[in-house]
């Protein structure tokens, strides 16, 4: 990277000291959308799940779709930061911090949706006090809690030297200054501190990888360990993990582009970073398509009564629009990256958006058609239509995710300054 140490520090600290009216406008819009979602949730809490489109046939809808999606994109930090750190990929240093932010924020938002789906939030106590270890839901509760604690730790450790830099360079009064002084833990740039920190970060990187893999594997087991056609599949574990990694890469590309443009980080985040991530995204996309072919080929070959009902609803029935939109938005990004003319920053960002659209729709078509086409006990297949309450809470989840990222970008450096300076 052909920039000086002073340039790295100046560019990385600029977002913490300069705020424009555009930032306040965006934060205000995101806050209003999030507040509307909270209001909608209180209506649901008061009136019950009858205000949603969920019924005894389709009991998982947008909420569980969002849960699986957000837990999936949380793998951004695991791939970009942990795996590439263990592999000593030096090019990843300017983007690791953003990936780690995404991980913590996405888990925090995703973990709320099962609580929202319960209707009565106090029922989570039943999982804590009366849950059976044989239940995949209890496994999910434990693994997500462990992943959140581990991800916060993994975010915080490499942040310590940069908090000390903010403490020394910015010398801010008030609450922010006290935060920097408190959480920098007296960091003084001694060699012994650096060696200890590097060892701790390396250990956490090794620990967080299997924890992240276990999280989305356990999420898949909630579906696979049932008697429902369409979910009974031994491929669901790796299928969900690969899908999570794919959506995680796509999310970091998009967020990276937003912050790069908004805060003028073009000298630190270069087109080469986008290109490297695009190649990773395409490779993962191809692997995901392979697993998806396995999923539908086996079900299609069997073509039992329940399989036929589910697949016909996907191929030409009530959910065919979603299915074919998912297929197209999964294939088009490969073409965008494969063609040199469109393999630029704008094209790669477009490809990442399409990938995440595809991955959200994929979670939808895994959950809804199975429940709607093969209801238990057997009744007439139904069509699930989410209510305004569900749509509002869904939109609030995405706006809350963006709001948290925007606020943190003004409190803590987006770039791992000390690592980039070392490089």
Protein backbone atom coordinates (compact mmCIF):
# COMPACT_ATOMS: atom_id res chain seq x y z
CA UNK A 1 0.00 0.00 0.00
CA UNK A 2 1.74 3.17 -1.23
CA UNK A 3 0.66 5.60 1.53
CA UNK A 4 2.56 7.07 4.48
CA UNK A 5 1.89 6.37 8.14
CA UNK A 6 0.57 9.92 8.61
CA UNK A 7 -1.86 9.46 5.72
CA UNK A 8 -3.20 6.21 7.18
CA UNK A 9 -3.76 7.78 10.60
CA UNK A 10 -5.31 10.97 9.18
CA UNK A 11 -7.70 9.18 6.79
CA UNK A 12 -8.74 6.56 9.36
CA UNK A 13 -9.41 9.11 12.12
CA UNK A 14 -11.24 11.61 9.86
CA UNK A 15 -14.70 9.98 10.33
CA UNK A 16 -14.37 10.45 14.11
CA UNK A 17 -13.77 14.21 13.88
CA UNK A 18 -15.79 15.40 10.88
CA UNK A 19 -19.54 15.00 10.54
CA UNK A 20 -21.66 16.43 7.71
CA UNK A 21 -25.38 17.11 7.47
CA UNK A 22 -25.72 14.06 5.22
CA UNK A 23 -24.71 11.81 8.09
CA UNK A 24 -27.34 13.31 10.39
CA UNK A 25 -29.97 12.98 7.66
CA UNK A 26 -29.20 9.31 7.05
CA UNK A 27 -29.09 8.54 10.78
CA UNK A 28 -32.41 10.34 11.29
CA UNK A 29 -34.10 8.34 8.50
CA UNK A 30 -32.74 5.05 9.85
CA UNK A 31 -33.81 5.99 13.39
CA UNK A 32 -37.36 6.83 12.23
CA UNK A 33 -37.71 3.51 10.38
CA UNK A 34 -36.39 1.64 13.42
CA UNK A 35 -38.78 3.52 15.71
CA UNK A 36 -41.71 2.62 13.44
CA UNK A 37 -40.67 -1.03 13.66
CA UNK A 38 -40.53 -0.82 17.46
CA UNK A 39 -44.03 0.69 17.49
CA UNK A 40 -45.24 -2.15 15.25
CA UNK A 41 -43.68 -4.68 17.61
CA UNK A 42 -45.51 -3.19 20.61
CA UNK A 43 -48.77 -3.53 18.66
CA UNK A 44 -47.93 -7.20 18.07
CA UNK A 45 -46.96 -7.65 21.71
CA UNK A 46 -50.27 -6.19 22.85
CA UNK A 47 -52.53 -7.88 20.29
CA UNK A 48 -50.69 -11.17 19.75
CA UNK A 49 -49.48 -12.89 16.60
CA UNK A 50 -52.96 -12.64 15.09
CA UNK A 51 -51.85 -9.27 13.64
CA UNK A 52 -49.27 -11.14 11.53
CA UNK A 53 -49.73 -13.54 8.61
CA UNK A 54 -48.49 -16.43 10.77
CA UNK A 55 -50.94 -19.23 11.56
CA UNK A 56 -50.81 -22.81 12.80
CA UNK A 57 -49.86 -23.94 9.28
CA UNK A 58 -47.19 -21.35 8.44
CA UNK A 59 -45.79 -20.64 11.90
CA UNK A 60 -42.39 -19.39 10.63
CA UNK A 61 -42.44 -16.48 8.22
CA UNK A 62 -40.43 -13.33 7.67
CA UNK A 63 -39.10 -13.35 11.23
CA UNK A 64 -37.26 -16.67 10.96
CA UNK A 65 -36.21 -15.80 7.39
CA UNK A 66 -34.57 -12.65 8.80
CA UNK A 67 -33.06 -14.62 11.66
CA UNK A 68 -31.31 -17.07 9.33
CA UNK A 69 -30.25 -14.24 7.00
CA UNK A 70 -28.69 -12.03 9.69
CA UNK A 71 -26.92 -14.93 11.39
CA UNK A 72 -25.61 -15.77 7.91
CA UNK A 73 -24.13 -12.35 7.16
CA UNK A 74 -22.48 -12.38 10.57
CA UNK A 75 -19.96 -14.78 9.01
CA UNK A 76 -18.37 -11.76 7.31
CA UNK A 77 -16.06 -11.26 10.27
CA UNK A 78 -15.23 -14.95 10.49
CA UNK A 79 -14.13 -15.21 6.87
CA UNK A 80 -12.53 -11.83 6.21
CA UNK A 81 -10.87 -11.41 9.58
CA UNK A 82 -10.32 -14.80 11.22
CA UNK A 83 -9.62 -17.13 8.30
CA UNK A 84 -7.57 -14.61 6.34
CA UNK A 85 -5.70 -13.62 9.51
CA UNK A 86 -4.79 -17.25 10.18
CA UNK A 87 -3.76 -17.56 6.51
CA UNK A 88 -1.55 -14.43 6.86
CA UNK A 89 -3.28 -12.68 3.95
CA UNK A 90 -1.82 -9.19 4.32
CA UNK A 91 -4.25 -7.51 1.92
CA UNK A 92 -7.17 -8.02 4.31
CA UNK A 93 -5.83 -5.59 6.97
CA UNK A 94 -7.74 -2.41 5.93
CA UNK A 95 -11.09 -4.22 5.87
CA UNK A 96 -10.97 -6.54 8.88
CA UNK A 97 -12.42 -4.01 11.33
CA UNK A 98 -15.53 -3.45 9.19
CA UNK A 99 -16.02 -7.21 8.88
CA UNK A 100 -15.81 -7.58 12.66
CA UNK A 101 -18.34 -4.74 13.13
CA UNK A 102 -20.73 -6.48 10.74
CA UNK A 103 -20.41 -9.74 12.67
CA UNK A 104 -21.36 -8.25 16.04
CA UNK A 105 -24.17 -6.07 14.66
CA UNK A 106 -25.68 -8.86 12.56
CA UNK A 107 -25.73 -11.34 15.46
CA UNK A 108 -27.30 -8.70 17.71
CA UNK A 109 -30.11 -8.03 15.21
CA UNK A 110 -30.58 -11.65 14.12
CA UNK A 111 -30.87 -12.97 17.66
CA UNK A 112 -33.90 -10.69 18.26
CA UNK A 113 -36.09 -12.29 15.58
CA UNK A 114 -36.75 -15.64 17.34
CA UNK A 115 -37.85 -13.60 20.36
CA UNK A 116 -40.17 -11.54 18.16
CA UNK A 117 -41.48 -14.76 16.56
CA UNK A 118 -42.39 -16.18 19.98
CA UNK A 119 -45.14 -13.64 20.43
CA UNK A 120 -44.62 -13.54 24.18
CA UNK A 121 -41.00 -12.63 24.84
CA UNK A 122 -41.10 -13.99 28.40
CA UNK A 123 -41.24 -17.51 26.96
CA UNK A 124 -37.51 -17.36 26.37
CA UNK A 125 -37.25 -18.13 30.10
CA UNK A 126 -38.72 -21.56 29.36
CA UNK A 127 -35.73 -22.28 27.11
CA UNK A 128 -33.33 -21.16 29.85
CA UNK A 129 -34.93 -22.94 32.82
CA UNK A 130 -36.79 -25.86 31.24
CA UNK A 131 -35.05 -26.46 27.92
CA UNK A 132 -34.00 -30.03 27.14
CA UNK A 133 -30.49 -30.61 25.87
CA UNK A 134 -31.96 -32.96 23.22
CA UNK A 135 -33.61 -29.97 21.54
CA UNK A 136 -31.83 -28.27 18.60
CA UNK A 137 -33.42 -24.99 19.75
CA UNK A 138 -31.44 -25.21 23.00
CA UNK A 139 -28.29 -25.94 20.96
CA UNK A 140 -29.06 -22.85 18.89
CA UNK A 141 -29.53 -20.70 21.99
CA UNK A 142 -26.17 -21.83 23.40
CA UNK A 143 -24.21 -21.55 20.14
CA UNK A 144 -25.50 -18.06 19.26
CA UNK A 145 -24.77 -16.80 22.78
CA UNK A 146 -21.26 -18.23 22.60
CA UNK A 147 -20.74 -16.75 19.11
CA UNK A 148 -21.86 -13.29 20.25
CA UNK A 149 -19.53 -13.25 23.26
CA UNK A 150 -16.64 -14.60 21.17
CA UNK A 151 -17.26 -12.09 18.37
CA UNK A 152 -17.35 -9.12 20.77
CA UNK A 153 -14.07 -10.30 22.29
CA UNK A 154 -12.56 -10.80 18.84
CA UNK A 155 -13.67 -7.28 17.82
CA UNK A 156 -12.36 -5.67 21.00
CA UNK A 157 -8.86 -7.14 21.19
CA UNK A 158 -7.48 -5.65 17.91
CA UNK A 159 -9.31 -2.41 18.74
CA UNK A 160 -7.21 -1.72 21.87
CA UNK A 161 -4.20 -0.08 20.12
CA UNK A 162 -6.50 2.09 18.01
CA UNK A 163 -8.41 3.20 21.12
CA UNK A 164 -5.07 4.24 22.57
CA UNK A 165 -4.32 6.12 19.34
CA UNK A 166 -7.68 7.93 19.62
CA UNK A 167 -6.88 8.69 23.24
CA UNK A 168 -3.50 10.23 22.34
CA UNK A 169 -4.21 11.85 18.96
CA UNK A 170 -7.73 13.19 19.50
CA UNK A 171 -7.56 13.99 23.24
CA UNK A 172 -11.33 14.45 23.33
CA UNK A 173 -13.04 15.76 26.47
CA UNK A 174 -16.21 14.32 27.92
CA UNK A 175 -17.66 10.83 27.55
CA UNK A 176 -15.82 9.81 24.37
CA UNK A 177 -12.47 10.71 25.86
CA UNK A 178 -13.24 8.69 29.00
CA UNK A 179 -14.29 5.72 26.84
CA UNK A 180 -11.01 5.80 24.94
CA UNK A 181 -8.99 6.04 28.14
CA UNK A 182 -10.91 3.30 29.91
CA UNK A 183 -11.03 0.71 27.13
CA UNK A 184 -7.49 1.26 25.84
CA UNK A 185 -6.38 -0.44 29.11
CA UNK A 186 -3.31 1.75 29.50
CA UNK A 187 -1.84 0.68 26.16
CA UNK A 188 1.58 2.31 25.72
CA UNK A 189 2.96 0.67 22.56
CA UNK A 190 5.49 -1.50 24.39
CA UNK A 191 6.85 -4.59 22.62
CA UNK A 192 5.64 -6.87 25.40
CA UNK A 193 2.09 -5.54 25.07
CA UNK A 194 2.18 -6.02 21.31
CA UNK A 195 3.40 -9.63 21.54
CA UNK A 196 0.75 -10.46 24.11
CA UNK A 197 -1.97 -8.84 22.00
CA UNK A 198 -0.90 -10.62 18.81
CA UNK A 199 -0.95 -13.95 20.63
CA UNK A 200 -4.43 -13.29 22.05
CA UNK A 201 -5.81 -12.20 18.66
CA UNK A 202 -4.34 -15.29 16.98
CA UNK A 203 -5.89 -17.58 19.60
CA UNK A 204 -9.29 -15.91 19.25
CA UNK A 205 -9.09 -16.16 15.44
CA UNK A 206 -8.53 -19.90 15.72
CA UNK A 207 -11.33 -20.32 18.30
CA UNK A 208 -13.95 -18.22 16.49
CA UNK A 209 -13.79 -20.18 13.22
CA UNK A 210 -15.22 -23.50 14.54
CA UNK A 211 -17.68 -21.57 16.71
CA UNK A 212 -19.01 -19.73 13.63
CA UNK A 213 -19.26 -22.96 11.64
CA UNK A 214 -21.14 -24.61 14.50
CA UNK A 215 -23.62 -21.72 14.73
CA UNK A 216 -25.00 -22.00 11.21
CA UNK A 217 -24.78 -25.78 11.31
CA UNK A 218 -27.00 -25.77 14.39
CA UNK A 219 -29.36 -23.30 12.68
CA UNK A 220 -29.69 -25.79 9.82
CA UNK A 221 -30.36 -28.65 12.23
CA UNK A 222 -33.49 -26.86 13.50
CA UNK A 223 -34.88 -27.56 10.02
CA UNK A 224 -33.15 -30.81 9.11
CA UNK A 225 -34.02 -32.69 12.32
CA UNK A 226 -37.74 -32.73 11.55
CA UNK A 227 -40.06 -35.08 9.67
CA UNK A 228 -40.91 -32.52 7.01
CA UNK A 229 -40.16 -33.13 3.35
CA UNK A 230 -37.91 -30.42 1.96
CA UNK A 231 -35.96 -30.13 5.20
CA UNK A 232 -34.85 -33.71 5.88
CA UNK A 233 -31.41 -33.44 4.33
CA UNK A 234 -27.93 -34.34 5.54
CA UNK A 235 -26.51 -31.62 3.26
CA UNK A 236 -28.21 -28.81 5.20
CA UNK A 237 -25.25 -28.30 7.58
CA UNK A 238 -22.61 -27.43 4.94
CA UNK A 239 -25.36 -25.91 2.76
CA UNK A 240 -26.22 -23.32 5.41
CA UNK A 241 -22.57 -22.65 6.31
CA UNK A 242 -21.57 -22.02 2.68
CA UNK A 243 -24.62 -19.79 2.22
CA UNK A 244 -23.66 -17.85 5.34
CA UNK A 245 -20.12 -17.31 4.08
CA UNK A 246 -21.49 -16.20 0.68
CA UNK A 247 -23.85 -13.62 2.17
CA UNK A 248 -21.11 -12.51 4.57
CA UNK A 249 -18.70 -11.75 1.73
CA UNK A 250 -21.42 -9.91 -0.19
CA UNK A 251 -22.29 -7.82 2.86
CA UNK A 252 -18.72 -6.76 3.57
CA UNK A 253 -18.32 -5.70 -0.09
CA UNK A 254 -21.42 -3.50 0.10
CA UNK A 255 -20.66 -1.98 3.53
CA UNK A 256 -17.04 -1.45 2.50
CA UNK A 257 -18.18 0.48 -0.58
CA UNK A 258 -20.58 2.65 1.45
CA UNK A 259 -17.97 3.64 4.04
CA UNK A 260 -15.26 4.06 1.41
CA UNK A 261 -17.40 6.57 -0.46
CA UNK A 262 -18.88 8.30 2.58
CA UNK A 263 -15.61 8.83 4.46
CA UNK A 264 -13.12 9.20 1.59
CA UNK A 265 -11.17 6.01 2.28
CA UNK A 266 -10.17 5.39 -1.35
CA UNK A 267 -6.46 5.44 -0.53
CA UNK A 268 -6.83 2.73 2.09
CA UNK A 269 -9.55 0.58 0.49
CA UNK A 270 -8.50 0.06 -3.12
CA UNK A 271 -10.12 -1.64 -6.12
CA UNK A 272 -7.81 -4.60 -5.42
CA UNK A 273 -9.68 -5.27 -2.17
CA UNK A 274 -12.97 -5.38 -4.06
CA UNK A 275 -11.49 -7.65 -6.73
CA UNK A 276 -10.06 -10.13 -4.21
CA UNK A 277 -13.36 -10.30 -2.35
CA UNK A 278 -15.23 -10.69 -5.64
CA UNK A 279 -13.17 -13.76 -6.52
CA UNK A 280 -13.91 -15.24 -3.09
CA UNK A 281 -17.60 -14.47 -3.56
CA UNK A 282 -17.79 -16.13 -6.97
CA UNK A 283 -15.95 -19.24 -5.78
CA UNK A 284 -18.34 -19.55 -2.84
CA UNK A 285 -21.31 -18.85 -5.11
CA UNK A 286 -20.35 -21.72 -7.41
CA UNK A 287 -19.99 -24.08 -4.46
CA UNK A 288 -23.40 -22.96 -3.16
CA UNK A 289 -25.01 -23.61 -6.55
CA UNK A 290 -23.52 -27.12 -6.47
CA UNK A 291 -25.11 -27.77 -3.06
CA UNK A 292 -28.42 -26.31 -4.25
CA UNK A 293 -28.43 -28.64 -7.26
CA UNK A 294 -27.94 -31.54 -4.84
CA UNK A 295 -30.88 -30.34 -2.77
CA UNK A 296 -33.38 -30.06 -5.62
CA UNK A 297 -32.08 -32.94 -7.74
CA UNK A 298 -32.57 -35.52 -4.98
CA UNK A 299 -36.03 -34.21 -4.05
CA UNK A 300 -37.03 -34.03 -7.71
CA UNK A 301 -35.83 -37.57 -8.41
CA UNK A 302 -37.83 -38.96 -5.48
CA UNK A 303 -40.93 -36.89 -6.36
CA UNK A 304 -42.96 -38.22 -3.47
CA UNK A 305 -46.31 -36.69 -2.61
CA UNK A 306 -44.91 -34.05 -0.29
CA UNK A 307 -41.80 -33.40 -2.40
CA UNK A 308 -44.00 -32.95 -5.48
CA UNK A 309 -46.21 -30.45 -3.65
CA UNK A 310 -43.22 -28.38 -2.50
CA UNK A 311 -41.31 -28.44 -5.79
CA UNK A 312 -44.34 -27.71 -7.94
CA UNK A 313 -45.09 -24.66 -5.76
CA UNK A 314 -41.51 -23.51 -6.39
CA UNK A 315 -41.17 -24.32 -10.08
CA UNK A 316 -44.53 -23.12 -11.43
CA UNK A 317 -46.83 -22.53 -8.44
CA UNK A 318 -47.49 -19.74 -5.99
CA UNK A 319 -43.83 -19.32 -5.01
CA UNK A 320 -42.27 -19.66 -8.46
CA UNK A 321 -41.59 -15.90 -8.75
CA UNK A 322 -39.46 -16.05 -5.61
CA UNK A 323 -37.66 -19.23 -6.69
CA UNK A 324 -36.65 -18.08 -10.17
CA UNK A 325 -35.72 -14.62 -8.89
CA UNK A 326 -33.42 -16.39 -6.43
CA UNK A 327 -31.84 -18.46 -9.21
CA UNK A 328 -31.24 -15.45 -11.46
CA UNK A 329 -29.76 -13.26 -8.72
CA UNK A 330 -27.43 -16.14 -7.83
CA UNK A 331 -26.15 -16.60 -11.40
CA UNK A 332 -25.91 -12.98 -12.62
CA UNK A 333 -23.17 -11.99 -10.08
CA UNK A 334 -20.93 -14.73 -11.49
CA UNK A 335 -21.29 -13.24 -14.96
CA UNK A 336 -20.63 -9.71 -13.71
CA UNK A 337 -17.35 -10.72 -12.07
CA UNK A 338 -16.34 -13.01 -14.95
CA UNK A 339 -16.55 -10.23 -17.57
CA UNK A 340 -13.51 -7.89 -17.35
CA UNK A 341 -15.53 -4.88 -18.46
CA UNK A 342 -17.93 -5.15 -15.49
CA UNK A 343 -15.33 -6.36 -13.00
CA UNK A 344 -14.88 -2.92 -11.44
CA UNK A 345 -15.92 -1.45 -8.10
CA UNK A 346 -19.43 -0.52 -9.26
CA UNK A 347 -20.00 -3.89 -10.92
CA UNK A 348 -18.70 -5.84 -7.91
CA UNK A 349 -20.92 -3.84 -5.54
CA UNK A 350 -23.93 -4.55 -7.79
CA UNK A 351 -23.02 -8.24 -7.77
CA UNK A 352 -22.84 -8.22 -3.96
CA UNK A 353 -26.30 -6.64 -3.71
CA UNK A 354 -27.74 -9.29 -6.04
CA UNK A 355 -26.10 -12.05 -4.00
CA UNK A 356 -27.66 -10.81 -0.77
CA UNK A 357 -31.07 -10.43 -2.44
CA UNK A 358 -30.71 -14.04 -3.63
CA UNK A 359 -29.66 -15.27 -0.19
CA UNK A 360 -32.59 -13.59 1.56
CA UNK A 361 -35.04 -15.05 -0.97
CA UNK A 362 -33.36 -18.45 -0.58
CA UNK A 363 -34.03 -18.45 3.17
CA UNK A 364 -37.64 -17.52 2.37
CA UNK A 365 -38.12 -20.36 -0.12
CA UNK A 366 -36.54 -22.87 2.26
CA UNK A 367 -38.98 -22.00 5.04
CA UNK A 368 -42.31 -20.84 3.63
CA UNK A 369 -43.15 -23.25 0.75
CA UNK A 370 -42.42 -26.31 2.92
CA UNK A 371 -44.83 -25.12 5.60
CA UNK A 372 -47.46 -23.81 3.17
CA UNK A 373 -47.43 -26.74 0.71
CA UNK A 374 -47.27 -29.55 3.29
CA UNK A 375 -49.19 -28.31 6.37
CA UNK A 376 -49.42 -30.53 9.46
CA UNK A 377 -51.94 -31.95 10.13
CA UNK A 378 -52.68 -32.40 6.41
CA UNK A 379 -55.00 -29.69 5.13
CA UNK A 380 -55.37 -27.68 1.95
CA UNK A 381 -52.08 -25.97 0.99
CA UNK A 382 -52.07 -22.26 1.83
CA UNK A 383 -50.33 -19.11 0.63
CA UNK A 384 -48.50 -17.09 3.24
CA UNK A 385 -48.91 -13.30 2.97
CA UNK A 386 -46.98 -11.25 5.54
CA UNK A 387 -48.83 -8.41 7.23
CA UNK A 388 -47.81 -4.76 7.48
CA UNK A 389 -46.63 -5.47 11.03
CA UNK A 390 -44.21 -8.15 9.81
CA UNK A 391 -42.97 -5.97 6.97
CA UNK A 392 -42.43 -3.03 9.33
CA UNK A 393 -40.46 -5.13 11.84
CA UNK A 394 -38.43 -6.64 9.01
CA UNK A 395 -37.57 -3.21 7.61
CA UNK A 396 -36.71 -2.04 11.13
CA UNK A 397 -34.20 -4.87 11.45
CA UNK A 398 -32.30 -3.74 8.36
CA UNK A 399 -32.50 -0.06 9.32
CA UNK A 400 -31.39 -0.87 12.87
CA UNK A 401 -28.41 -2.77 11.45
CA UNK A 402 -27.45 0.24 9.35
CA UNK A 403 -28.04 2.62 12.27
CA UNK A 404 -25.72 0.65 14.56
CA UNK A 405 -23.00 0.62 11.91
CA UNK A 406 -23.38 4.37 11.32
CA UNK A 407 -23.12 5.18 15.04
CA UNK A 408 -20.10 2.91 15.60
CA UNK A 409 -18.36 4.45 12.60
CA UNK A 410 -18.37 7.74 14.50
CA UNK A 411 -17.13 6.24 17.77
CA UNK A 412 -14.38 3.84 16.69
CA UNK A 413 -11.98 3.66 13.71
CA UNK A 414 -13.28 1.72 10.71
CA UNK A 415 -9.73 0.79 9.72
CA UNK A 416 -7.41 -1.30 11.88
CA UNK A 417 -4.85 1.51 11.91
CA UNK A 418 -2.03 -0.22 13.76
CA UNK A 419 -2.14 -3.25 11.45
CA UNK A 420 -2.19 -1.12 8.28
CA UNK A 421 0.71 1.00 9.59
CA UNK A 422 2.71 -2.17 10.27
CA UNK A 423 2.11 -3.33 6.71
